[in-house]
N, C-alpha and C. Protein backbone atom coordinates (compact mmCIF):
# COMPACT_ATOMS: atom_id res chain seq x y z
N MET A 1 0.72 -1.30 0.15
CA MET A 1 -0.18 0.18 -0.39
C MET A 1 0.93 1.05 0.44
N GLU A 2 0.83 1.98 -1.04
CA GLU A 2 1.44 3.28 -0.83
C GLU A 2 0.54 4.74 -0.85
N HIS A 3 1.45 5.10 -0.05
CA HIS A 3 0.93 6.38 0.82
C HIS A 3 1.71 7.84 0.35
N THR A 4 0.99 8.90 -0.24
CA THR A 4 1.03 9.62 -0.88
C THR A 4 1.15 11.47 -0.36
N ASP A 5 1.74 11.62 0.33
CA ASP A 5 1.47 13.52 1.25
C ASP A 5 0.91 12.92 1.89
N ASP A 6 0.36 12.33 3.00
CA ASP A 6 -0.58 11.80 4.41
C ASP A 6 -0.10 12.50 5.14
N HIS A 7 0.73 12.61 5.50
CA HIS A 7 1.59 13.38 6.15
C HIS A 7 1.32 14.76 6.41
N LYS A 8 0.78 15.35 5.59
CA LYS A 8 0.29 16.83 5.79
C LYS A 8 -1.14 16.95 6.86
N PHE A 9 -1.54 15.92 6.87
CA PHE A 9 -2.70 15.77 7.57
C PHE A 9 -2.16 15.18 8.80
N ILE A 10 -0.93 14.86 9.56
CA ILE A 10 -0.46 15.01 11.02
C ILE A 10 -0.02 16.40 11.42
N SER A 11 -0.32 16.70 12.18
CA SER A 11 0.53 18.15 12.59
C SER A 11 1.18 17.85 13.89
N LYS A 12 2.37 18.67 14.21
CA LYS A 12 2.90 18.45 15.78
C LYS A 12 3.06 19.75 16.36
N ARG A 13 2.50 20.09 17.63
CA ARG A 13 2.25 21.17 18.19
C ARG A 13 2.69 21.38 19.61
N GLY A 14 4.34 20.92 19.81
CA GLY A 14 4.87 21.35 21.16
C GLY A 14 4.88 19.24 21.27
N LEU A 15 4.10 19.16 22.36
CA LEU A 15 4.61 17.65 22.49
C LEU A 15 2.94 16.66 21.97
N SER A 16 1.95 17.52 21.35
CA SER A 16 0.90 16.77 20.94
C SER A 16 1.25 16.45 19.81
N LYS A 17 0.43 15.48 19.38
CA LYS A 17 0.29 15.05 17.58
C LYS A 17 -1.75 15.37 17.13
N ILE A 18 -1.63 15.93 16.18
CA ILE A 18 -3.05 15.51 16.06
C ILE A 18 -2.91 15.86 14.25
N ALA A 19 -4.19 14.72 14.28
CA ALA A 19 -4.62 14.49 12.86
C ALA A 19 -5.83 14.58 12.67
N ASN A 20 -5.55 15.73 11.24
CA ASN A 20 -6.40 16.10 10.61
C ASN A 20 -7.42 15.17 9.82
N CYS A 21 -8.42 15.99 9.44
CA CYS A 21 -9.49 14.92 8.26
C CYS A 21 -8.77 15.63 6.69
N PRO A 22 -8.92 14.68 6.14
CA PRO A 22 -8.04 15.10 4.71
C PRO A 22 -9.12 16.14 3.98
N HIS A 23 -10.53 15.84 4.42
CA HIS A 23 -11.54 16.25 3.30
C HIS A 23 -11.67 17.96 4.13
N CYS A 24 -11.97 18.19 5.56
CA CYS A 24 -12.36 19.21 5.96
C CYS A 24 -11.40 19.88 7.19
N ARG A 25 -10.13 18.73 7.32
CA ARG A 25 -8.96 19.52 8.05
C ARG A 25 -10.17 19.31 9.97
N GLY A 26 -11.02 18.79 10.01
CA GLY A 26 -11.05 19.19 10.98
C GLY A 26 -10.58 17.84 12.32
N VAL A 27 -10.68 18.09 13.41
CA VAL A 27 -9.15 17.22 14.21
C VAL A 27 -10.33 16.12 13.98
N LEU A 28 -9.64 14.82 13.63
CA LEU A 28 -9.90 13.19 14.17
C LEU A 28 -9.25 13.16 15.58
N PHE A 29 -8.08 13.01 15.81
CA PHE A 29 -7.54 12.29 16.75
C PHE A 29 -6.45 13.09 17.42
N LYS A 30 -5.86 13.16 19.24
CA LYS A 30 -4.66 14.16 19.08
C LYS A 30 -4.25 12.87 20.36
N ASN A 31 -3.19 13.49 20.54
CA ASN A 31 -1.99 13.18 20.89
C ASN A 31 -2.19 11.64 21.64
N PHE A 32 -1.70 11.02 20.27
CA PHE A 32 -1.53 9.91 19.75
C PHE A 32 -0.40 8.84 20.07
N THR A 33 -0.50 8.03 20.54
CA THR A 33 1.34 6.94 20.21
C THR A 33 0.80 6.10 19.20
N ILE A 34 1.96 5.56 19.19
CA ILE A 34 2.12 3.59 18.50
C ILE A 34 3.38 3.42 18.89
N ASP A 35 2.66 2.18 19.35
CA ASP A 35 3.78 0.78 19.84
C ASP A 35 4.08 0.73 18.06
N ALA A 36 5.06 -0.19 17.53
CA ALA A 36 5.50 -0.49 16.41
C ALA A 36 5.50 -1.84 16.73
N ALA A 37 6.16 -2.18 17.49
CA ALA A 37 5.77 -3.42 18.01
C ALA A 37 4.87 -5.33 17.61
N THR A 38 3.87 -3.94 17.68
CA THR A 38 2.55 -4.59 17.29
C THR A 38 1.54 -4.65 16.37
N GLY A 39 1.90 -4.55 15.17
CA GLY A 39 2.09 -4.23 13.85
C GLY A 39 0.89 -3.60 13.22
N GLU A 40 0.86 -4.00 11.68
CA GLU A 40 -0.43 -3.01 11.13
C GLU A 40 -1.46 -2.59 11.30
N VAL A 41 -1.91 -1.69 11.65
CA VAL A 41 -3.84 -1.76 11.30
C VAL A 41 -4.25 -1.07 10.63
N SER A 42 -5.19 -0.78 9.54
CA SER A 42 -5.86 -0.45 8.73
C SER A 42 -7.05 -0.32 9.08
N PHE A 43 -8.38 0.83 9.06
CA PHE A 43 -9.38 0.89 9.22
C PHE A 43 -9.91 1.68 8.32
N ILE A 44 -11.11 1.98 8.34
CA ILE A 44 -11.79 2.88 7.66
C ILE A 44 -12.51 4.19 9.11
N MET A 45 -12.56 4.77 8.35
CA MET A 45 -13.37 5.82 10.02
C MET A 45 -14.34 7.05 9.10
N ARG A 46 -15.68 7.78 9.84
CA ARG A 46 -16.08 8.10 9.63
C ARG A 46 -15.77 9.39 10.40
N CYS A 47 -15.25 11.14 9.19
CA CYS A 47 -14.66 11.82 9.66
C CYS A 47 -16.68 12.41 10.93
N PRO A 48 -16.12 13.21 12.59
CA PRO A 48 -17.23 13.67 13.10
C PRO A 48 -17.81 14.52 12.48
N HIS A 49 -17.29 15.36 11.50
CA HIS A 49 -17.20 16.90 11.24
C HIS A 49 -18.03 16.84 9.69
N CYS A 50 -17.83 16.50 8.99
CA CYS A 50 -18.02 16.24 7.03
C CYS A 50 -18.45 15.51 6.74
N GLN A 51 -18.26 14.07 7.87
CA GLN A 51 -19.30 13.06 7.28
C GLN A 51 -18.97 11.97 6.57
N LYS A 52 -17.43 12.25 6.19
CA LYS A 52 -16.96 11.37 4.49
C LYS A 52 -16.08 10.45 5.63
N ASN A 53 -15.61 9.53 4.42
CA ASN A 53 -14.83 8.25 4.91
C ASN A 53 -13.51 8.40 4.87
N ILE A 54 -12.75 8.16 5.88
CA ILE A 54 -11.13 8.19 5.72
C ILE A 54 -11.05 6.88 6.15
N VAL A 55 -9.51 6.55 4.54
CA VAL A 55 -8.89 5.51 5.71
C VAL A 55 -7.50 5.41 6.23
N VAL A 56 -7.70 5.23 7.77
CA VAL A 56 -7.04 4.85 8.46
C VAL A 56 -5.70 3.72 8.98
N THR A 57 -4.76 4.04 8.88
CA THR A 57 -3.68 3.17 9.02
C THR A 57 -2.53 3.33 9.80
N ILE A 58 -2.13 2.24 10.54
CA ILE A 58 -1.47 2.81 11.51
C ILE A 58 -0.07 1.37 11.46
N ASN A 59 1.12 1.91 11.33
CA ASN A 59 1.86 1.03 11.81
C ASN A 59 3.16 1.88 12.35
N ASP A 60 4.28 2.34 11.72
CA ASP A 60 5.47 2.82 13.11
C ASP A 60 4.58 4.33 12.63
N GLU A 61 4.23 4.89 11.78
CA GLU A 61 3.11 5.54 11.50
C GLU A 61 2.22 5.87 10.85
N VAL A 62 0.77 7.01 11.50
CA VAL A 62 -0.21 6.91 11.32
C VAL A 62 -0.58 7.95 9.53
N HIS A 63 -0.99 6.49 8.83
CA HIS A 63 -1.47 7.82 7.53
C HIS A 63 -2.53 7.53 7.17
N LEU A 64 -3.54 8.48 6.66
CA LEU A 64 -4.75 9.06 6.41
C LEU A 64 -4.77 9.24 4.45
N ARG A 65 -5.86 8.76 4.29
CA ARG A 65 -5.73 8.95 2.88
C ARG A 65 -7.55 9.44 3.14
N ILE A 66 -7.80 9.84 1.60
CA ILE A 66 -9.28 9.47 1.18
C ILE A 66 -9.30 8.36 0.41
N PRO A 67 -10.47 7.49 0.54
CA PRO A 67 -10.91 6.08 -0.21
C PRO A 67 -10.95 6.27 -1.68
N GLU A 68 -10.10 5.76 -2.53
CA GLU A 68 -10.20 5.32 -3.61
C GLU A 68 -12.16 5.13 -4.24
């Protein structure tokens, strides 16, 4: 699975990490941590702001993308 430009939806402010919706830029989740030893997780979630689907993949980083 290839991820392109999805890092622009993850921002760091001080010690906080914030993931924003690629559609409306609303906050999806914040202050998250990732344990890379657990493997990769992928799921589709609906943005609580604009109600559009977003594919979330978590491995050693968080990747957000619009479903094709």
